[in-house]
Amino acid sequence: MTAITIAIVDDHPLFREGVSRSLSEIEDFVVVGEGASADDAATLVAAQKPDVVLLDVSMPGGGIEAISEIVVRSPETKVLMLTASEEIDPLVAALRRGAAGYVIKGIGSRGLAEAIRIVVGGARYISPTMRAKAEKSLLDRPPSLTRRETEVMELVAEGLSNKHIALRLNRREKTIKHHMTEILSKLGASNRTEAAIKWRQLA
């Protein structure tokens, strides 16, 4: 049986330790690291490349903000968000950035284990109490690009490479690559061409 490796990042030690202990008792689950902030999440994921990272929405540095960095550092790692809130906006933002799942903290250890297995298997998991609202919201709301991301997409649509976009906008190529990662995630596109097509449809 292949072990599922898990990192847990939450700024509440008692909750984090409880989750870690519960998951460690499951035969094929291995907790490979714990943290308390967005910076910890990025460091852990880069070092351990876990199958799943459990990420608190409201931790220091912002759980949602951490998703993009995690996706860049370890594309194979599935991000499963943890929150006590049932507000829809953070859920939509997390899914648009690339989270594979969204779990309300009242879930039991058996339910959390099931959610982990679902996202590792390649499917999306959303807590049942939020699933219908999330699906409706994702259908109703077009993805929102920042002003800079819009500038980048305008140049992508012209056929410019990251290098030439960086020169045009007087930015580093690495910065443009980061913007492109955000854009692909928000638009649900797998490459630049698909992103350009979707962006034109929304314009």
C-alpha atoms as a PDB file:
ATOM      1  CA  MET A   1       0.000   0.000   0.000  1.00  0.00           C
ATOM      2  CA  THR A   2       1.462   3.349  -1.068  1.00  0.00           C
ATOM      3  CA  ALA A   3       1.492   5.917   1.727  1.00  0.00           C
ATOM      4  CA  ILE A   4      -0.224   9.290   1.295  1.00  0.00           C
ATOM      5  CA  THR A   5       2.053  12.047   2.570  1.00  0.00           C
ATOM      6  CA  ILE A   6       0.439  15.048   4.253  1.00  0.00           C
ATOM      7  CA  ALA A   7       1.582  18.466   5.490  1.00  0.00           C
ATOM      8  CA  ILE A   8      -0.614  20.430   7.911  1.00  0.00           C
ATOM      9  CA  VAL A   9      -0.436  24.219   8.129  1.00  0.00           C
ATOM     10  CA  ASP A  10      -2.646  25.953  10.702  1.00  0.00           C
ATOM     11  CA  ASP A  11      -1.824  28.641  13.253  1.00  0.00           C
ATOM     12  CA  HIS A  12      -3.839  27.009  16.053  1.00  0.00           C
ATOM     13  CA  PRO A  13      -1.449  24.495  17.677  1.00  0.00           C
ATOM     14  CA  LEU A  14      -4.108  22.425  19.439  1.00  0.00           C
ATOM     15  CA  PHE A  15      -6.158  22.013  16.269  1.00  0.00           C
ATOM     16  CA  ARG A  16      -3.072  21.280  14.161  1.00  0.00           C
ATOM     17  CA  GLU A  17      -1.712  18.737  16.624  1.00  0.00           C
ATOM     18  CA  GLY A  18      -5.121  17.062  16.915  1.00  0.00           C
ATOM     19  CA  VAL A  19      -5.445  16.713  13.154  1.00  0.00           C
ATOM     20  CA  SER A  20      -1.881  15.424  12.892  1.00  0.00           C
ATOM     21  CA  ARG A  21      -2.450  12.828  15.591  1.00  0.00           C
ATOM     22  CA  SER A  22      -5.749  11.655  14.080  1.00  0.00           C
ATOM     23  CA  LEU A  23      -4.344  11.311  10.577  1.00  0.00           C
ATOM     24  CA  SER A  24      -1.153   9.613  11.773  1.00  0.00           C
ATOM     25  CA  GLU A  25      -3.291   6.829  13.233  1.00  0.00           C
ATOM     26  CA  ILE A  26      -4.538   5.929   9.741  1.00  0.00           C
ATOM     27  CA  GLU A  27      -2.394   3.150   8.321  1.00  0.00           C
ATOM     28  CA  ASP A  28      -1.508   4.613   4.927  1.00  0.00           C
ATOM     29  CA  PHE A  29      -1.285   8.278   6.002  1.00  0.00           C
ATOM     30  CA  VAL A  30       2.086   9.851   6.866  1.00  0.00           C
ATOM     31  CA  VAL A  31       2.290  13.405   8.246  1.00  0.00           C
ATOM     32  CA  VAL A  32       5.587  14.779   6.910  1.00  0.00           C
ATOM     33  CA  GLY A  33       5.490  18.270   8.394  1.00  0.00           C
ATOM     34  CA  GLU A  34       3.550  20.968  10.223  1.00  0.00           C
ATOM     35  CA  GLY A  35       3.525  24.753  10.027  1.00  0.00           C
ATOM     36  CA  ALA A  36       1.617  27.838  11.120  1.00  0.00           C
ATOM     37  CA  SER A  37       1.861  30.384   8.277  1.00  0.00           C
ATOM     38  CA  ALA A  38       1.893  30.893   4.515  1.00  0.00           C
ATOM     39  CA  ASP A  39       5.694  31.048   4.610  1.00  0.00           C
ATOM     40  CA  ASP A  40       5.787  27.728   6.477  1.00  0.00           C
ATOM     41  CA  ALA A  41       3.495  26.218   3.855  1.00  0.00           C
ATOM     42  CA  ALA A  42       5.751  27.277   0.981  1.00  0.00           C
ATOM     43  CA  THR A  43       8.868  25.992   2.744  1.00  0.00           C
ATOM     44  CA  LEU A  44       7.273  22.676   3.732  1.00  0.00           C
ATOM     45  CA  VAL A  45       5.907  21.985   0.276  1.00  0.00           C
ATOM     46  CA  ALA A  46       9.196  22.838  -1.425  1.00  0.00           C
ATOM     47  CA  ALA A  47      11.128  20.536   0.926  1.00  0.00           C
ATOM     48  CA  GLN A  48       8.728  17.604   1.306  1.00  0.00           C
ATOM     49  CA  LYS A  49       6.597  17.623  -1.898  1.00  0.00           C
ATOM     50  CA  PRO A  50       3.673  16.057   0.034  1.00  0.00           C
ATOM     51  CA  ASP A  51       0.721  14.490  -1.749  1.00  0.00           C
ATOM     52  CA  VAL A  52      -1.603  16.840   0.155  1.00  0.00           C
ATOM     53  CA  VAL A  53      -1.202  20.034   2.152  1.00  0.00           C
ATOM     54  CA  LEU A  54      -3.990  20.960   4.572  1.00  0.00           C
ATOM     55  CA  LEU A  55      -4.107  24.745   4.627  1.00  0.00           C
ATOM     56  CA  ASP A  56      -5.911  27.026   7.068  1.00  0.00           C
ATOM     57  CA  VAL A  57      -7.722  29.833   5.252  1.00  0.00           C
ATOM     58  CA  SER A  58      -7.099  32.532   7.880  1.00  0.00           C
ATOM     59  CA  MET A  59      -3.531  31.821   9.038  1.00  0.00           C
ATOM     60  CA  PRO A  60      -0.763  34.492   8.992  1.00  0.00           C
ATOM     61  CA  GLY A  61       0.157  35.374   5.424  1.00  0.00           C
ATOM     62  CA  GLY A  62      -3.210  34.105   4.202  1.00  0.00           C
ATOM     63  CA  GLY A  63      -4.051  30.548   3.223  1.00  0.00           C
ATOM     64  CA  ILE A  64      -5.615  31.547  -0.070  1.00  0.00           C
ATOM     65  CA  GLU A  65      -2.614  33.712  -0.920  1.00  0.00           C
ATOM     66  CA  ALA A  66      -0.334  30.724  -0.249  1.00  0.00           C
ATOM     67  CA  ILE A  67      -2.015  28.526  -2.862  1.00  0.00           C
ATOM     68  CA  SER A  68      -0.302  30.097  -5.871  1.00  0.00           C
ATOM     69  CA  GLU A  69       3.167  29.651  -4.386  1.00  0.00           C
ATOM     70  CA  ILE A  70       2.427  26.035  -3.529  1.00  0.00           C
ATOM     71  CA  VAL A  71       1.154  25.313  -7.043  1.00  0.00           C
ATOM     72  CA  VAL A  72       4.391  26.738  -8.471  1.00  0.00           C
ATOM     73  CA  ARG A  73       6.720  24.929  -6.057  1.00  0.00           C
ATOM     74  CA  SER A  74       4.999  21.549  -6.192  1.00  0.00           C
ATOM     75  CA  PRO A  75       2.386  21.198  -8.964  1.00  0.00           C
ATOM     76  CA  GLU A  76       1.583  17.617  -7.929  1.00  0.00           C
ATOM     77  CA  THR A  77       0.668  18.579  -4.349  1.00  0.00           C
ATOM     78  CA  LYS A  78      -3.079  18.812  -3.763  1.00  0.00           C
ATOM     79  CA  VAL A  79      -4.221  21.777  -1.652  1.00  0.00           C
ATOM     80  CA  LEU A  80      -7.082  21.074   0.747  1.00  0.00           C
ATOM     81  CA  MET A  81      -8.335  24.189   2.524  1.00  0.00           C
ATOM     82  CA  LEU A  82      -9.525  24.126   6.142  1.00  0.00           C
ATOM     83  CA  THR A  83     -11.849  26.777   7.567  1.00  0.00           C
ATOM     84  CA  ALA A  84     -14.427  27.364  10.276  1.00  0.00           C
ATOM     85  CA  SER A  85     -16.312  29.821   8.054  1.00  0.00           C
ATOM     86  CA  GLU A  86     -19.026  28.989   5.545  1.00  0.00           C
ATOM     87  CA  GLU A  87     -18.610  32.224   3.578  1.00  0.00           C
ATOM     88  CA  ILE A  88     -18.666  31.609  -0.152  1.00  0.00           C
ATOM     89  CA  ASP A  89     -16.122  34.212  -1.353  1.00  0.00           C
ATOM     90  CA  PRO A  90     -13.019  32.542   0.165  1.00  0.00           C
ATOM     91  CA  LEU A  91     -14.148  29.189  -1.213  1.00  0.00           C
ATOM     92  CA  VAL A  92     -14.510  30.546  -4.746  1.00  0.00           C
ATOM     93  CA  ALA A  93     -11.166  32.364  -4.490  1.00  0.00           C
ATOM     94  CA  ALA A  94      -9.424  29.207  -3.273  1.00  0.00           C
ATOM     95  CA  LEU A  95     -10.825  27.041  -6.052  1.00  0.00           C
ATOM     96  CA  ARG A  96      -9.956  29.615  -8.691  1.00  0.00           C
ATOM     97  CA  ARG A  97      -6.343  29.714  -7.461  1.00  0.00           C
ATOM     98  CA  GLY A  98      -6.036  25.962  -7.707  1.00  0.00           C
ATOM     99  CA  ALA A  99      -7.207  24.406  -4.427  1.00  0.00           C
ATOM    100  CA  ALA A 100      -8.446  20.838  -4.871  1.00  0.00           C
ATOM    101  CA  GLY A 101     -10.804  20.923  -1.927  1.00  0.00           C
ATOM    102  CA  TYR A 102     -12.467  22.949   0.811  1.00  0.00           C
ATOM    103  CA  VAL A 103     -13.321  21.489   4.199  1.00  0.00           C
ATOM    104  CA  ILE A 104     -15.272  22.948   7.116  1.00  0.00           C
ATOM    105  CA  LYS A 105     -13.389  22.350  10.367  1.00  0.00           C
ATOM    106  CA  GLY A 106     -16.322  20.665  12.073  1.00  0.00           C
ATOM    107  CA  ILE A 107     -15.609  17.576   9.972  1.00  0.00           C
ATOM    108  CA  GLY A 108     -14.596  14.388  11.800  1.00  0.00           C
ATOM    109  CA  SER A 109     -11.353  12.504  11.244  1.00  0.00           C
ATOM    110  CA  ARG A 110     -13.092   9.888   9.080  1.00  0.00           C
ATOM    111  CA  GLY A 111     -14.632  12.578   6.874  1.00  0.00           C
ATOM    112  CA  LEU A 112     -11.301  14.400   6.575  1.00  0.00           C
ATOM    113  CA  ALA A 113      -9.562  11.171   5.599  1.00  0.00           C
ATOM    114  CA  GLU A 114     -12.192  10.619   2.902  1.00  0.00           C
ATOM    115  CA  ALA A 115     -11.681  14.187   1.597  1.00  0.00           C
ATOM    116  CA  ILE A 116      -7.926  13.603   1.429  1.00  0.00           C
ATOM    117  CA  ARG A 117      -8.370  10.371  -0.526  1.00  0.00           C
ATOM    118  CA  ILE A 118     -10.772  12.080  -2.937  1.00  0.00           C
ATOM    119  CA  VAL A 119      -8.392  14.923  -3.818  1.00  0.00           C
ATOM    120  CA  VAL A 120      -5.399  12.572  -4.054  1.00  0.00           C
ATOM    121  CA  GLY A 121      -7.473  10.552  -6.507  1.00  0.00           C
ATOM    122  CA  GLY A 122      -7.777  13.616  -8.713  1.00  0.00           C
ATOM    123  CA  ALA A 123     -11.315  14.763  -7.880  1.00  0.00           C
ATOM    124  CA  ARG A 124     -12.465  17.937  -6.139  1.00  0.00           C
ATOM    125  CA  TYR A 125     -13.907  17.851  -2.628  1.00  0.00           C
ATOM    126  CA  ILE A 126     -16.181  20.525  -1.144  1.00  0.00           C
ATOM    127  CA  SER A 127     -17.932  20.142   2.210  1.00  0.00           C
ATOM    128  CA  PRO A 128     -21.545  19.099   1.525  1.00  0.00           C
ATOM    129  CA  THR A 129     -22.973  22.160   3.309  1.00  0.00           C
ATOM    130  CA  MET A 130     -21.247  24.430   0.779  1.00  0.00           C
ATOM    131  CA  ARG A 131     -21.238  22.351  -2.388  1.00  0.00           C
ATOM    132  CA  ALA A 132     -24.426  23.658  -4.004  1.00  0.00           C
ATOM    133  CA  LYS A 133     -23.606  27.298  -3.219  1.00  0.00           C
ATOM    134  CA  ALA A 134     -20.079  26.847  -4.550  1.00  0.00           C
ATOM    135  CA  GLU A 135     -21.184  25.295  -7.835  1.00  0.00           C
ATOM    136  CA  LYS A 136     -23.730  28.049  -8.426  1.00  0.00           C
ATOM    137  CA  SER A 137     -21.241  30.769  -7.547  1.00  0.00           C
ATOM    138  CA  LEU A 138     -18.536  29.367  -9.803  1.00  0.00           C
ATOM    139  CA  LEU A 139     -21.008  29.285 -12.687  1.00  0.00           C
ATOM    140  CA  ASP A 140     -22.372  32.772 -11.995  1.00  0.00           C
ATOM    141  CA  ARG A 141     -19.101  34.635 -11.521  1.00  0.00           C
ATOM    142  CA  PRO A 142     -16.570  35.225 -14.269  1.00  0.00           C
ATOM    143  CA  PRO A 143     -12.982  35.037 -12.991  1.00  0.00           C
ATOM    144  CA  SER A 144     -11.594  38.416 -11.945  1.00  0.00           C
ATOM    145  CA  LEU A 145      -8.115  39.368 -13.162  1.00  0.00           C
ATOM    146  CA  THR A 146      -6.116  42.127 -11.493  1.00  0.00           C
ATOM    147  CA  ARG A 147      -5.093  45.189 -13.504  1.00  0.00           C
ATOM    148  CA  ARG A 148      -1.579  43.801 -13.998  1.00  0.00           C
ATOM    149  CA  GLU A 149      -2.908  40.361 -14.990  1.00  0.00           C
ATOM    150  CA  THR A 150      -5.169  42.045 -17.531  1.00  0.00           C
ATOM    151  CA  GLU A 151      -2.168  43.893 -18.988  1.00  0.00           C
ATOM    152  CA  VAL A 152      -0.284  40.611 -19.236  1.00  0.00           C
ATOM    153  CA  MET A 153      -3.225  38.873 -20.937  1.00  0.00           C
ATOM    154  CA  GLU A 154      -3.542  41.679 -23.481  1.00  0.00           C
ATOM    155  CA  LEU A 155       0.075  41.039 -24.497  1.00  0.00           C
ATOM    156  CA  VAL A 156      -0.350  37.241 -24.399  1.00  0.00           C
ATOM    157  CA  ALA A 157      -3.271  37.686 -26.786  1.00  0.00           C
ATOM    158  CA  GLU A 158      -0.892  39.569 -29.095  1.00  0.00           C
ATOM    159  CA  GLY A 159       1.352  36.509 -29.131  1.00  0.00           C
ATOM    160  CA  LEU A 160       4.180  37.879 -26.977  1.00  0.00           C
ATOM    161  CA  SER A 161       6.387  35.538 -24.917  1.00  0.00           C
ATOM    162  CA  ASN A 162       6.993  36.016 -21.192  1.00  0.00           C
ATOM    163  CA  LYS A 163      10.394  37.527 -21.989  1.00  0.00           C
ATOM    164  CA  HIS A 164       8.937  40.126 -24.351  1.00  0.00           C
ATOM    165  CA  ILE A 165       6.036  40.877 -21.988  1.00  0.00           C
ATOM    166  CA  ALA A 166       8.572  41.494 -19.219  1.00  0.00           C
ATOM    167  CA  LEU A 167      10.471  43.920 -21.452  1.00  0.00           C
ATOM    168  CA  ARG A 168       7.263  45.711 -22.486  1.00  0.00           C
ATOM    169  CA  LEU A 169       6.040  46.096 -18.891  1.00  0.00           C
ATOM    170  CA  ASN A 170       9.498  46.723 -17.442  1.00  0.00           C
ATOM    171  CA  ARG A 171       9.193  43.726 -15.115  1.00  0.00           C
ATOM    172  CA  ARG A 172      11.321  40.649 -14.444  1.00  0.00           C
ATOM    173  CA  GLU A 173      10.496  37.551 -16.481  1.00  0.00           C
ATOM    174  CA  LYS A 174      10.033  35.625 -13.218  1.00  0.00           C
ATOM    175  CA  THR A 175       7.296  38.101 -12.225  1.00  0.00           C
ATOM    176  CA  ILE A 176       5.507  37.572 -15.534  1.00  0.00           C
ATOM    177  CA  LYS A 177       5.685  33.785 -15.045  1.00  0.00           C
ATOM    178  CA  HIS A 178       4.047  34.231 -11.638  1.00  0.00           C
ATOM    179  CA  HIS A 179       1.276  36.334 -13.199  1.00  0.00           C
ATOM    180  CA  MET A 180       0.757  33.650 -15.842  1.00  0.00           C
ATOM    181  CA  THR A 181       0.414  30.971 -13.149  1.00  0.00           C
ATOM    182  CA  GLU A 182      -2.285  33.078 -11.475  1.00  0.00           C
ATOM    183  CA  ILE A 183      -4.038  33.722 -14.787  1.00  0.00           C
ATOM    184  CA  LEU A 184      -4.070  30.054 -15.833  1.00  0.00           C
ATOM    185  CA  SER A 185      -5.489  29.116 -12.437  1.00  0.00           C
ATOM    186  CA  LYS A 186      -8.195  31.789 -12.491  1.00  0.00           C
ATOM    187  CA  LEU A 187      -9.258  31.012 -16.045  1.00  0.00           C
ATOM    188  CA  GLY A 188      -9.070  27.256 -15.577  1.00  0.00           C
ATOM    189  CA  ALA A 189      -6.738  27.031 -18.568  1.00  0.00           C
ATOM    190  CA  SER A 190      -3.890  24.560 -19.110  1.00  0.00           C
ATOM    191  CA  ASN A 191      -1.797  26.726 -21.451  1.00  0.00           C
ATOM    192  CA  ARG A 192      -1.398  30.244 -22.865  1.00  0.00           C
ATOM    193  CA  THR A 193      -3.458  29.601 -25.991  1.00  0.00           C
ATOM    194  CA  GLU A 194      -6.408  28.261 -24.028  1.00  0.00           C
ATOM    195  CA  ALA A 195      -6.115  31.190 -21.590  1.00  0.00           C
ATOM    196  CA  ALA A 196      -6.184  33.684 -24.462  1.00  0.00           C
ATOM    197  CA  ILE A 197      -9.296  32.061 -25.931  1.00  0.00           C
ATOM    198  CA  LYS A 198     -11.120  32.054 -22.600  1.00  0.00           C
ATOM    199  CA  TRP A 199     -10.041  35.617 -21.846  1.00  0.00           C
ATOM    200  CA  ARG A 200     -11.411  36.866 -25.191  1.00  0.00           C
ATOM    201  CA  GLN A 201     -14.713  35.118 -24.467  1.00  0.00           C
ATOM    202  CA  LEU A 202     -14.973  36.960 -21.143  1.00  0.00           C
ATOM    203  CA  ALA A 203     -13.914  40.337 -22.512  1.00  0.00           C
END
